[in-house]
Amino acid sequence: MASEETDIKLFTRLGQLPDDVIALIISYVPKCQLQPLLGFSPTKKAVVKSYLANVKITECQDLIISGTCNQSEHCDCQDKPAAVSLKNLRLLVKQWNLYPKTLYFQVSKN
């Protein structure tokens, strides 16, 4: 219970910081560990911006963050692009008014 209360206090204080400071903090969190922060409105835009910074257009419908993380080694999910369909990328760009910095296209071999 104390841990849950601490987390709420931490996120409440985090939400009081300026947007650019929140974005800087989020940039140090591995992408594969950002999902829970999407549920917290002050960090949501910074998380989406992090996901959309490096994108691979695929046929998948959901936004997929791949990679592996463990606490003793480098997390390789930071270097891998988020996979998303062109349709969903267009929806994300329209909703958040954020654009990818790097864009890759996955070509189907069929």
PDB file of N, CA and C in Angstrom:
ATOM      1  N   MET A   1       0.823  -1.195   0.000  1.00  0.00           N
ATOM      2  CA  MET A   1       0.000   0.000   0.000  1.00  0.00           C
ATOM      3  C   MET A   1       0.867   1.258   0.000  1.00  0.00           C
ATOM      4  N   ALA A   2       1.945   1.272   0.770  1.00  0.00           N
ATOM      5  CA  ALA A   2       2.818   2.443   0.824  1.00  0.00           C
ATOM      6  C   ALA A   2       3.451   2.711  -0.531  1.00  0.00           C
ATOM      7  N   SER A   3       3.807   1.663  -1.252  1.00  0.00           N
ATOM      8  CA  SER A   3       4.400   1.819  -2.577  1.00  0.00           C
ATOM      9  C   SER A   3       3.412   2.455  -3.545  1.00  0.00           C
ATOM     10  N   GLU A   4       2.162   2.023  -3.490  1.00  0.00           N
ATOM     11  CA  GLU A   4       1.127   2.582  -4.357  1.00  0.00           C
ATOM     12  C   GLU A   4       0.932   4.063  -4.062  1.00  0.00           C
ATOM     13  N   GLU A   5       0.917   4.422  -2.784  1.00  0.00           N
ATOM     14  CA  GLU A   5       0.755   5.815  -2.382  1.00  0.00           C
ATOM     15  C   GLU A   5       1.948   6.646  -2.843  1.00  0.00           C
ATOM     16  N   THR A   6       3.148   6.103  -2.721  1.00  0.00           N
ATOM     17  CA  THR A   6       4.359   6.788  -3.162  1.00  0.00           C
ATOM     18  C   THR A   6       4.318   7.034  -4.664  1.00  0.00           C
ATOM     19  N   ASP A   7       3.887   6.038  -5.429  1.00  0.00           N
ATOM     20  CA  ASP A   7       3.798   6.192  -6.879  1.00  0.00           C
ATOM     21  C   ASP A   7       2.835   7.302  -7.255  1.00  0.00           C
ATOM     22  N   ILE A   8       1.702   7.376  -6.585  1.00  0.00           N
ATOM     23  CA  ILE A   8       0.719   8.420  -6.873  1.00  0.00           C
ATOM     24  C   ILE A   8       1.311   9.788  -6.575  1.00  0.00           C
ATOM     25  N   LYS A   9       1.993   9.915  -5.446  1.00  0.00           N
ATOM     26  CA  LYS A   9       2.621  11.193  -5.096  1.00  0.00           C
ATOM     27  C   LYS A   9       3.707  11.558  -6.102  1.00  0.00           C
ATOM     28  N   LEU A  10       4.499  10.577  -6.501  1.00  0.00           N
ATOM     29  CA  LEU A  10       5.567  10.816  -7.470  1.00  0.00           C
ATOM     30  C   LEU A  10       4.994  11.316  -8.790  1.00  0.00           C
ATOM     31  N   PHE A  11       3.960  10.654  -9.296  1.00  0.00           N
ATOM     32  CA  PHE A  11       3.374  11.054 -10.572  1.00  0.00           C
ATOM     33  C   PHE A  11       2.640  12.383 -10.470  1.00  0.00           C
ATOM     34  N   THR A  12       2.079  12.683  -9.312  1.00  0.00           N
ATOM     35  CA  THR A  12       1.445  13.988  -9.114  1.00  0.00           C
ATOM     36  C   THR A  12       2.492  15.089  -9.182  1.00  0.00           C
ATOM     37  N   ARG A  13       3.630  14.874  -8.544  1.00  0.00           N
ATOM     38  CA  ARG A  13       4.718  15.867  -8.605  1.00  0.00           C
ATOM     39  C   ARG A  13       5.306  15.952 -10.005  1.00  0.00           C
ATOM     40  N   LEU A  14       5.448  14.817 -10.672  1.00  0.00           N
ATOM     41  CA  LEU A  14       5.962  14.806 -12.040  1.00  0.00           C
ATOM     42  C   LEU A  14       5.056  15.627 -12.954  1.00  0.00           C
ATOM     43  N   GLY A  15       3.757  15.513 -12.767  1.00  0.00           N
ATOM     44  CA  GLY A  15       2.800  16.247 -13.588  1.00  0.00           C
ATOM     45  C   GLY A  15       2.846  17.749 -13.393  1.00  0.00           C
ATOM     46  N   GLN A  16       3.468  18.211 -12.318  1.00  0.00           N
ATOM     47  CA  GLN A  16       3.576  19.645 -12.055  1.00  0.00           C
ATOM     48  C   GLN A  16       4.794  20.275 -12.729  1.00  0.00           C
ATOM     49  N   LEU A  17       5.661  19.448 -13.286  1.00  0.00           N
ATOM     50  CA  LEU A  17       6.850  19.961 -13.969  1.00  0.00           C
ATOM     51  C   LEU A  17       6.481  20.511 -15.342  1.00  0.00           C
ATOM     52  N   PRO A  18       7.325  21.396 -15.902  1.00  0.00           N
ATOM     53  CA  PRO A  18       7.083  21.885 -17.266  1.00  0.00           C
ATOM     54  C   PRO A  18       7.144  20.738 -18.279  1.00  0.00           C
ATOM     55  N   ASP A  19       6.410  20.888 -19.377  1.00  0.00           N
ATOM     56  CA  ASP A  19       6.323  19.837 -20.397  1.00  0.00           C
ATOM     57  C   ASP A  19       7.685  19.412 -20.930  1.00  0.00           C
ATOM     58  N   ASP A  20       8.598  20.368 -21.132  1.00  0.00           N
ATOM     59  CA  ASP A  20       9.914  20.002 -21.675  1.00  0.00           C
ATOM     60  C   ASP A  20      10.730  19.186 -20.681  1.00  0.00           C
ATOM     61  N   VAL A  21      10.539  19.412 -19.392  1.00  0.00           N
ATOM     62  CA  VAL A  21      11.235  18.628 -18.368  1.00  0.00           C
ATOM     63  C   VAL A  21      10.653  17.211 -18.317  1.00  0.00           C
ATOM     64  N   ILE A  22       9.328  17.112 -18.418  1.00  0.00           N
ATOM     65  CA  ILE A  22       8.685  15.789 -18.459  1.00  0.00           C
ATOM     66  C   ILE A  22       9.195  15.004 -19.658  1.00  0.00           C
ATOM     67  N   ALA A  23       9.274  15.659 -20.820  1.00  0.00           N
ATOM     68  CA  ALA A  23       9.763  14.994 -22.038  1.00  0.00           C
ATOM     69  C   ALA A  23      11.208  14.523 -21.859  1.00  0.00           C
ATOM     70  N   LEU A  24      12.034  15.322 -21.203  1.00  0.00           N
ATOM     71  CA  LEU A  24      13.428  14.936 -20.965  1.00  0.00           C
ATOM     72  C   LEU A  24      13.500  13.705 -20.057  1.00  0.00           C
ATOM     73  N   ILE A  25      12.712  13.687 -19.011  1.00  0.00           N
ATOM     74  CA  ILE A  25      12.686  12.533 -18.104  1.00  0.00           C
ATOM     75  C   ILE A  25      12.210  11.294 -18.850  1.00  0.00           C
ATOM     76  N   ILE A  26      11.149  11.422 -19.627  1.00  0.00           N
ATOM     77  CA  ILE A  26      10.598  10.300 -20.398  1.00  0.00           C
ATOM     78  C   ILE A  26      11.629   9.761 -21.381  1.00  0.00           C
ATOM     79  N   SER A  27      12.475  10.626 -21.920  1.00  0.00           N
ATOM     80  CA  SER A  27      13.471  10.183 -22.906  1.00  0.00           C
ATOM     81  C   SER A  27      14.482   9.196 -22.315  1.00  0.00           C
ATOM     82  N   TYR A  28      14.613   9.163 -21.003  1.00  0.00           N
ATOM     83  CA  TYR A  28      15.541   8.240 -20.348  1.00  0.00           C
ATOM     84  C   TYR A  28      14.887   6.912 -19.952  1.00  0.00           C
ATOM     85  N   VAL A  29      13.575   6.834 -20.075  1.00  0.00           N
ATOM     86  CA  VAL A  29      12.860   5.599 -19.733  1.00  0.00           C
ATOM     87  C   VAL A  29      12.782   4.725 -20.983  1.00  0.00           C
ATOM     88  N   PRO A  30      13.162   3.454 -20.902  1.00  0.00           N
ATOM     89  CA  PRO A  30      13.068   2.578 -22.078  1.00  0.00           C
ATOM     90  C   PRO A  30      11.641   2.544 -22.628  1.00  0.00           C
ATOM     91  N   LYS A  31      11.526   2.580 -23.952  1.00  0.00           N
ATOM     92  CA  LYS A  31      10.207   2.605 -24.598  1.00  0.00           C
ATOM     93  C   LYS A  31       9.320   1.451 -24.165  1.00  0.00           C
ATOM     94  N   CYS A  32       9.922   0.281 -23.976  1.00  0.00           N
ATOM     95  CA  CYS A  32       9.121  -0.888 -23.615  1.00  0.00           C
ATOM     96  C   CYS A  32       8.572  -0.797 -22.192  1.00  0.00           C
ATOM     97  N   GLN A  33       8.986   0.220 -21.436  1.00  0.00           N
ATOM     98  CA  GLN A  33       8.481   0.391 -20.080  1.00  0.00           C
ATOM     99  C   GLN A  33       7.594   1.628 -19.936  1.00  0.00           C
ATOM    100  N   LEU A  34       7.262   2.270 -21.047  1.00  0.00           N
ATOM    101  CA  LEU A  34       6.467   3.496 -21.007  1.00  0.00           C
ATOM    102  C   LEU A  34       4.957   3.271 -20.976  1.00  0.00           C
ATOM    103  N   GLN A  35       4.512   2.087 -21.335  1.00  0.00           N
ATOM    104  CA  GLN A  35       3.074   1.812 -21.456  1.00  0.00           C
ATOM    105  C   GLN A  35       2.261   2.275 -20.240  1.00  0.00           C
ATOM    106  N   PRO A  36       2.674   1.997 -18.995  1.00  0.00           N
ATOM    107  CA  PRO A  36       1.864   2.439 -17.848  1.00  0.00           C
ATOM    108  C   PRO A  36       1.716   3.958 -17.762  1.00  0.00           C
ATOM    109  N   LEU A  37       2.678   4.698 -18.314  1.00  0.00           N
ATOM    110  CA  LEU A  37       2.614   6.157 -18.241  1.00  0.00           C
ATOM    111  C   LEU A  37       1.593   6.750 -19.208  1.00  0.00           C
ATOM    112  N   LEU A  38       1.079   5.938 -20.139  1.00  0.00           N
ATOM    113  CA  LEU A  38       0.021   6.417 -21.033  1.00  0.00           C
ATOM    114  C   LEU A  38      -1.282   6.663 -20.274  1.00  0.00           C
ATOM    115  N   GLY A  39      -1.433   6.028 -19.126  1.00  0.00           N
ATOM    116  CA  GLY A  39      -2.636   6.202 -18.322  1.00  0.00           C
ATOM    117  C   GLY A  39      -2.601   7.429 -17.434  1.00  0.00           C
ATOM    118  N   PHE A  40      -1.519   8.150 -17.443  1.00  0.00           N
ATOM    119  CA  PHE A  40      -1.349   9.324 -16.594  1.00  0.00           C
ATOM    120  C   PHE A  40      -1.307  10.555 -17.493  1.00  0.00           C
ATOM    121  N   SER A  41      -2.336  11.372 -17.459  1.00  0.00           N
ATOM    122  CA  SER A  41      -2.492  12.445 -18.449  1.00  0.00           C
ATOM    123  C   SER A  41      -1.318  13.423 -18.555  1.00  0.00           C
ATOM    124  N   PRO A  42      -0.628  13.823 -17.478  1.00  0.00           N
ATOM    125  CA  PRO A  42       0.490  14.749 -17.663  1.00  0.00           C
ATOM    126  C   PRO A  42       1.671  14.163 -18.447  1.00  0.00           C
ATOM    127  N   THR A  43       1.809  12.842 -18.469  1.00  0.00           N
ATOM    128  CA  THR A  43       2.936  12.239 -19.191  1.00  0.00           C
ATOM    129  C   THR A  43       2.529  11.651 -20.538  1.00  0.00           C
ATOM    130  N   LYS A  44       1.241  11.606 -20.818  1.00  0.00           N
ATOM    131  CA  LYS A  44       0.742  10.915 -22.014  1.00  0.00           C
ATOM    132  C   LYS A  44       1.344  11.475 -23.307  1.00  0.00           C
ATOM    133  N   LYS A  45       1.341  12.795 -23.487  1.00  0.00           N
ATOM    134  CA  LYS A  45       1.845  13.376 -24.737  1.00  0.00           C
ATOM    135  C   LYS A  45       3.343  13.113 -24.896  1.00  0.00           C
ATOM    136  N   ALA A  46       4.104  13.183 -23.816  1.00  0.00           N
ATOM    137  CA  ALA A  46       5.545  12.917 -23.891  1.00  0.00           C
ATOM    138  C   ALA A  46       5.812  11.462 -24.258  1.00  0.00           C
ATOM    139  N   VAL A  47       4.986  10.547 -23.762  1.00  0.00           N
ATOM    140  CA  VAL A  47       5.134   9.126 -24.097  1.00  0.00           C
ATOM    141  C   VAL A  47       4.820   8.902 -25.574  1.00  0.00           C
ATOM    142  N   VAL A  48       3.727   9.479 -26.053  1.00  0.00           N
ATOM    143  CA  VAL A  48       3.371   9.337 -27.472  1.00  0.00           C
ATOM    144  C   VAL A  48       4.472   9.934 -28.348  1.00  0.00           C
ATOM    145  N   LYS A  49       5.013  11.068 -27.944  1.00  0.00           N
ATOM    146  CA  LYS A  49       6.107  11.697 -28.699  1.00  0.00           C
ATOM    147  C   LYS A  49       7.323  10.779 -28.751  1.00  0.00           C
ATOM    148  N   SER A  50       7.625  10.119 -27.655  1.00  0.00           N
ATOM    149  CA  SER A  50       8.746   9.178 -27.620  1.00  0.00           C
ATOM    150  C   SER A  50       8.505   8.008 -28.564  1.00  0.00           C
ATOM    151  N   TYR A  51       7.283   7.461 -28.532  1.00  0.00           N
ATOM    152  CA  TYR A  51       6.936   6.354 -29.430  1.00  0.00           C
ATOM    153  C   TYR A  51       7.018   6.778 -30.896  1.00  0.00           C
ATOM    154  N   LEU A  52       6.535   7.982 -31.206  1.00  0.00           N
ATOM    155  CA  LEU A  52       6.471   8.431 -32.597  1.00  0.00           C
ATOM    156  C   LEU A  52       7.791   8.981 -33.129  1.00  0.00           C
ATOM    157  N   ALA A  53       8.786   9.135 -32.296  1.00  0.00           N
ATOM    158  CA  ALA A  53      10.065   9.677 -32.765  1.00  0.00           C
ATOM    159  C   ALA A  53      10.724   8.772 -33.794  1.00  0.00           C
ATOM    160  N   ASN A  54      10.557   7.483 -33.669  1.00  0.00           N
ATOM    161  CA  ASN A  54      11.218   6.502 -34.531  1.00  0.00           C
ATOM    162  C   ASN A  54      10.178   5.442 -34.895  1.00  0.00           C
ATOM    163  N   VAL A  55       9.664   5.488 -36.134  1.00  0.00           N
ATOM    164  CA  VAL A  55       8.515   4.668 -36.520  1.00  0.00           C
ATOM    165  C   VAL A  55       8.819   3.836 -37.754  1.00  0.00           C
ATOM    166  N   LYS A  56       8.293   2.608 -37.750  1.00  0.00           N
ATOM    167  CA  LYS A  56       8.364   1.720 -38.917  1.00  0.00           C
ATOM    168  C   LYS A  56       6.937   1.442 -39.367  1.00  0.00           C
ATOM    169  N   ILE A  57       6.636   1.757 -40.635  1.00  0.00           N
ATOM    170  CA  ILE A  57       5.316   1.493 -41.197  1.00  0.00           C
ATOM    171  C   ILE A  57       5.237   0.011 -41.550  1.00  0.00           C
ATOM    172  N   THR A  58       4.262  -0.678 -40.982  1.00  0.00           N
ATOM    173  CA  THR A  58       4.078  -2.111 -41.228  1.00  0.00           C
ATOM    174  C   THR A  58       2.606  -2.380 -41.519  1.00  0.00           C
ATOM    175  N   GLU A  59       2.282  -3.634 -41.667  1.00  0.00           N
ATOM    176  CA  GLU A  59       0.885  -4.015 -41.872  1.00  0.00           C
ATOM    177  C   GLU A  59       0.167  -4.275 -40.550  1.00  0.00           C
ATOM    178  N   CYS A  60       0.887  -4.243 -39.428  1.00  0.00           N
ATOM    179  CA  CYS A  60       0.251  -4.494 -38.133  1.00  0.00           C
ATOM    180  C   CYS A  60      -0.703  -3.347 -37.797  1.00  0.00           C
ATOM    181  N   GLN A  61      -1.746  -3.641 -37.071  1.00  0.00           N
ATOM    182  CA  GLN A  61      -2.750  -2.632 -36.748  1.00  0.00           C
ATOM    183  C   GLN A  61      -2.443  -1.886 -35.450  1.00  0.00           C
ATOM    184  N   ASP A  62      -1.809  -2.553 -34.501  1.00  0.00           N
ATOM    185  CA  ASP A  62      -1.519  -1.928 -33.216  1.00  0.00           C
ATOM    186  C   ASP A  62      -0.118  -1.353 -33.208  1.00  0.00           C
ATOM    187  N   LEU A  63       0.098  -0.379 -32.338  1.00  0.00           N
ATOM    188  CA  LEU A  63       1.441   0.154 -32.130  1.00  0.00           C
ATOM    189  C   LEU A  63       2.233  -0.889 -31.357  1.00  0.00           C
ATOM    190  N   ILE A  64       3.358  -1.329 -31.920  1.00  0.00           N
ATOM    191  CA  ILE A  64       4.145  -2.387 -31.293  1.00  0.00           C
ATOM    192  C   ILE A  64       5.534  -1.858 -30.958  1.00  0.00           C
ATOM    193  N   ILE A  65       5.917  -2.020 -29.708  1.00  0.00           N
ATOM    194  CA  ILE A  65       7.257  -1.665 -29.253  1.00  0.00           C
ATOM    195  C   ILE A  65       7.974  -2.973 -29.002  1.00  0.00           C
ATOM    196  N   SER A  66       9.062  -3.206 -29.736  1.00  0.00           N
ATOM    197  CA  SER A  66       9.781  -4.467 -29.554  1.00  0.00           C
ATOM    198  C   SER A  66      11.123  -4.206 -28.899  1.00  0.00           C
ATOM    199  N   GLY A  67      11.668  -5.252 -28.353  1.00  0.00           N
ATOM    200  CA  GLY A  67      12.960  -5.155 -27.695  1.00  0.00           C
ATOM    201  C   GLY A  67      12.925  -5.909 -26.389  1.00  0.00           C
ATOM    202  N   THR A  68      14.078  -6.044 -25.810  1.00  0.00           N
ATOM    203  CA  THR A  68      14.165  -6.735 -24.534  1.00  0.00           C
ATOM    204  C   THR A  68      14.890  -5.853 -23.541  1.00  0.00           C
ATOM    205  N   CYS A  69      14.426  -5.892 -22.330  1.00  0.00           N
ATOM    206  CA  CYS A  69      15.044  -5.115 -21.262  1.00  0.00           C
ATOM    207  C   CYS A  69      15.266  -6.010 -20.059  1.00  0.00           C
ATOM    208  N   ASN A  70      16.415  -5.864 -19.477  1.00  0.00           N
ATOM    209  CA  ASN A  70      16.604  -6.395 -18.139  1.00  0.00           C
ATOM    210  C   ASN A  70      17.454  -5.385 -17.395  1.00  0.00           C
ATOM    211  N   GLN A  71      17.419  -5.435 -16.100  1.00  0.00           N
ATOM    212  CA  GLN A  71      18.011  -4.369 -15.305  1.00  0.00           C
ATOM    213  C   GLN A  71      19.532  -4.364 -15.310  1.00  0.00           C
ATOM    214  N   SER A  72      20.163  -5.437 -15.742  1.00  0.00           N
ATOM    215  CA  SER A  72      21.622  -5.485 -15.669  1.00  0.00           C
ATOM    216  C   SER A  72      22.304  -5.118 -16.985  1.00  0.00           C
ATOM    217  N   GLU A  73      21.552  -5.022 -18.076  1.00  0.00           N
ATOM    218  CA  GLU A  73      22.154  -4.741 -19.377  1.00  0.00           C
ATOM    219  C   GLU A  73      21.423  -3.607 -20.078  1.00  0.00           C
ATOM    220  N   HIS A  74      22.009  -3.168 -21.194  1.00  0.00           N
ATOM    221  CA  HIS A  74      21.396  -2.130 -22.020  1.00  0.00           C
ATOM    222  C   HIS A  74      20.063  -2.614 -22.583  1.00  0.00           C
ATOM    223  N   CYS A  75      19.098  -1.751 -22.612  1.00  0.00           N
ATOM    224  CA  CYS A  75      17.782  -2.081 -23.160  1.00  0.00           C
ATOM    225  C   CYS A  75      17.787  -1.762 -24.649  1.00  0.00           C
ATOM    226  N   ASP A  76      17.576  -2.769 -25.492  1.00  0.00           N
ATOM    227  CA  ASP A  76      17.662  -2.535 -26.934  1.00  0.00           C
ATOM    228  C   ASP A  76      16.373  -1.990 -27.543  1.00  0.00           C
ATOM    229  N   CYS A  77      15.322  -1.830 -26.758  1.00  0.00           N
ATOM    230  CA  CYS A  77      14.078  -1.295 -27.326  1.00  0.00           C
ATOM    231  C   CYS A  77      14.208   0.187 -27.662  1.00  0.00           C
ATOM    232  N   GLN A  78      15.158   0.897 -27.056  1.00  0.00           N
ATOM    233  CA  GLN A  78      15.351   2.314 -27.351  1.00  0.00           C
ATOM    234  C   GLN A  78      15.774   2.528 -28.794  1.00  0.00           C
ATOM    235  N   ASP A  79      16.529   1.597 -29.345  1.00  0.00           N
ATOM    236  CA  ASP A  79      17.078   1.750 -30.687  1.00  0.00           C
ATOM    237  C   ASP A  79      16.145   1.248 -31.781  1.00  0.00           C
ATOM    238  N   LYS A  80      15.112   0.512 -31.418  1.00  0.00           N
ATOM    239  CA  LYS A  80      14.219  -0.084 -32.414  1.00  0.00           C
ATOM    240  C   LYS A  80      13.015   0.823 -32.651  1.00  0.00           C
ATOM    241  N   PRO A  81      12.601   0.939 -33.913  1.00  0.00           N
ATOM    242  CA  PRO A  81      11.429   1.773 -34.192  1.00  0.00           C
ATOM    243  C   PRO A  81      10.138   1.113 -33.716  1.00  0.00           C
ATOM    244  N   ALA A  82       9.175   1.940 -33.372  1.00  0.00           N
ATOM    245  CA  ALA A  82       7.838   1.446 -33.051  1.00  0.00           C
ATOM    246  C   ALA A  82       7.168   1.060 -34.360  1.00  0.00           C
ATOM    247  N   ALA A  83       6.529  -0.093 -34.400  1.00  0.00           N
ATOM    248  CA  ALA A  83       5.858  -0.564 -35.613  1.00  0.00           C
ATOM    249  C   ALA A  83       4.383  -0.175 -35.556  1.00  0.00           C
ATOM    250  N   VAL A  84       3.887   0.393 -36.646  1.00  0.00           N
ATOM    251  CA  VAL A  84       2.492   0.827 -36.704  1.00  0.00           C
ATOM    252  C   VAL A  84       2.033   0.843 -38.159  1.00  0.00           C
ATOM    253  N   SER A  85       0.748   0.643 -38.375  1.00  0.00           N
ATOM    254  CA  SER A  85       0.217   0.707 -39.740  1.00  0.00           C
ATOM    255  C   SER A  85       0.149   2.169 -40.185  1.00  0.00           C
ATOM    256  N   LEU A  86       0.153   2.385 -41.478  1.00  0.00           N
ATOM    257  CA  LEU A  86       0.065   3.743 -42.016  1.00  0.00           C
ATOM    258  C   LEU A  86      -1.238   4.406 -41.567  1.00  0.00           C
ATOM    259  N   LYS A  87      -2.319   3.655 -41.594  1.00  0.00           N
ATOM    260  CA  LYS A  87      -3.619   4.192 -41.176  1.00  0.00           C
ATOM    261  C   LYS A  87      -3.575   4.668 -39.726  1.00  0.00           C
ATOM    262  N   ASN A  88      -3.026   3.833 -38.833  1.00  0.00           N
ATOM    263  CA  ASN A  88      -2.962   4.211 -37.420  1.00  0.00           C
ATOM    264  C   ASN A  88      -1.963   5.331 -37.170  1.00  0.00           C
ATOM    265  N   LEU A  89      -0.887   5.370 -37.947  1.00  0.00           N
ATOM    266  CA  LEU A  89       0.057   6.477 -37.811  1.00  0.00           C
ATOM    267  C   LEU A  89      -0.632   7.789 -38.174  1.00  0.00           C
ATOM    268  N   ARG A  90      -1.405   7.774 -39.235  1.00  0.00           N
ATOM    269  CA  ARG A  90      -2.142   8.980 -39.631  1.00  0.00           C
ATOM    270  C   ARG A  90      -3.088   9.419 -38.516  1.00  0.00           C
ATOM    271  N   LEU A  91      -3.758   8.466 -37.872  1.00  0.00           N
ATOM    272  CA  LEU A  91      -4.661   8.792 -36.765  1.00  0.00           C
ATOM    273  C   LEU A  91      -3.897   9.381 -35.578  1.00  0.00           C
ATOM    274  N   LEU A  92      -2.750   8.790 -35.254  1.00  0.00           N
ATOM    275  CA  LEU A  92      -1.929   9.298 -34.145  1.00  0.00           C
ATOM    276  C   LEU A  92      -1.428  10.711 -34.429  1.00  0.00           C
ATOM    277  N   VAL A  93      -0.972  10.942 -35.651  1.00  0.00           N
ATOM    278  CA  VAL A  93      -0.477  12.275 -36.026  1.00  0.00           C
ATOM    279  C   VAL A  93      -1.607  13.295 -35.923  1.00  0.00           C
ATOM    280  N   LYS A  94      -2.773  12.928 -36.408  1.00  0.00           N
ATOM    281  CA  LYS A  94      -3.921  13.838 -36.362  1.00  0.00           C
ATOM    282  C   LYS A  94      -4.345  14.118 -34.918  1.00  0.00           C
ATOM    283  N   GLN A  95      -4.377  13.071 -34.095  1.00  0.00           N
ATOM    284  CA  GLN A  95      -4.823  13.223 -32.708  1.00  0.00           C
ATOM    285  C   GLN A  95      -3.843  14.045 -31.875  1.00  0.00           C
ATOM    286  N   TRP A  96      -2.552  13.800 -32.029  1.00  0.00           N
ATOM    287  CA  TRP A  96      -1.558  14.407 -31.157  1.00  0.00           C
ATOM    288  C   TRP A  96      -0.801  15.566 -31.792  1.00  0.00           C
ATOM    289  N   ASN A  97      -0.954  15.758 -33.104  1.00  0.00           N
ATOM    290  CA  ASN A  97      -0.217  16.785 -33.832  1.00  0.00           C
ATOM    291  C   ASN A  97       1.297  16.628 -33.618  1.00  0.00           C
ATOM    292  N   LEU A  98       1.735  15.377 -33.637  1.00  0.00           N
ATOM    293  CA  LEU A  98       3.148  15.024 -33.501  1.00  0.00           C
ATOM    294  C   LEU A  98       3.553  14.219 -34.725  1.00  0.00           C
ATOM    295  N   TYR A  99       4.774  14.419 -35.188  1.00  0.00           N
ATOM    296  CA  TYR A  99       5.249  13.746 -36.397  1.00  0.00           C
ATOM    297  C   TYR A  99       6.519  12.955 -36.100  1.00  0.00           C
ATOM    298  N   PRO A 100       6.712  11.833 -36.787  1.00  0.00           N
ATOM    299  CA  PRO A 100       7.935  11.046 -36.579  1.00  0.00           C
ATOM    300  C   PRO A 100       9.178  11.820 -37.009  1.00  0.00           C
ATOM    301  N   LYS A 101      10.268  11.609 -36.286  1.00  0.00           N
ATOM    302  CA  LYS A 101      11.564  12.163 -36.694  1.00  0.00           C
ATOM    303  C   LYS A 101      12.223  11.240 -37.710  1.00  0.00           C
ATOM    304  N   THR A 102      12.066   9.937 -37.499  1.00  0.00           N
ATOM    305  CA  THR A 102      12.641   8.925 -38.386  1.00  0.00           C
ATOM    306  C   THR A 102      11.528   7.975 -38.796  1.00  0.00           C
ATOM    307  N   LEU A 103      11.473   7.668 -40.094  1.00  0.00           N
ATOM    308  CA  LEU A 103      10.407   6.832 -40.621  1.00  0.00           C
ATOM    309  C   LEU A 103      10.999   5.744 -41.501  1.00  0.00           C
ATOM    310  N   TYR A 104      10.609   4.502 -41.245  1.00  0.00           N
ATOM    311  CA  TYR A 104      11.042   3.346 -42.033  1.00  0.00           C
ATOM    312  C   TYR A 104       9.808   2.682 -42.628  1.00  0.00           C
ATOM    313  N   PHE A 105      10.002   2.004 -43.734  1.00  0.00           N
ATOM    314  CA  PHE A 105       8.918   1.240 -44.347  1.00  0.00           C
ATOM    315  C   PHE A 105       9.315  -0.220 -44.385  1.00  0.00           C
ATOM    316  N   GLN A 106       8.434  -1.088 -43.913  1.00  0.00           N
ATOM    317  CA  GLN A 106       8.670  -2.526 -43.983  1.00  0.00           C
ATOM    318  C   GLN A 106       7.985  -3.037 -45.240  1.00  0.00           C
ATOM    319  N   VAL A 107       8.760  -3.629 -46.127  1.00  0.00           N
ATOM    320  CA  VAL A 107       8.227  -4.140 -47.383  1.00  0.00           C
ATOM    321  C   VAL A 107       7.835  -5.597 -47.195  1.00  0.00           C
ATOM    322  N   SER A 108       6.604  -5.914 -47.559  1.00  0.00           N
ATOM    323  CA  SER A 108       6.123  -7.287 -47.458  1.00  0.00           C
ATOM    324  C   SER A 108       6.766  -8.136 -48.549  1.00  0.00           C
ATOM    325  N   LYS A 109       7.193  -9.345 -48.208  1.00  0.00           N
ATOM    326  CA  LYS A 109       7.868 -10.231 -49.168  1.00  0.00           C
ATOM    327  C   LYS A 109       6.887 -11.147 -49.882  1.00  0.00           C
ATOM    328  N   ASN A 110       5.606 -10.944 -49.689  1.00  0.00           N
ATOM    329  CA  ASN A 110       4.597 -11.797 -50.343  1.00  0.00           C
ATOM    330  C   ASN A 110       4.396 -11.419 -51.782  1.00  0.00           C
TER     331      ASN A 110
END
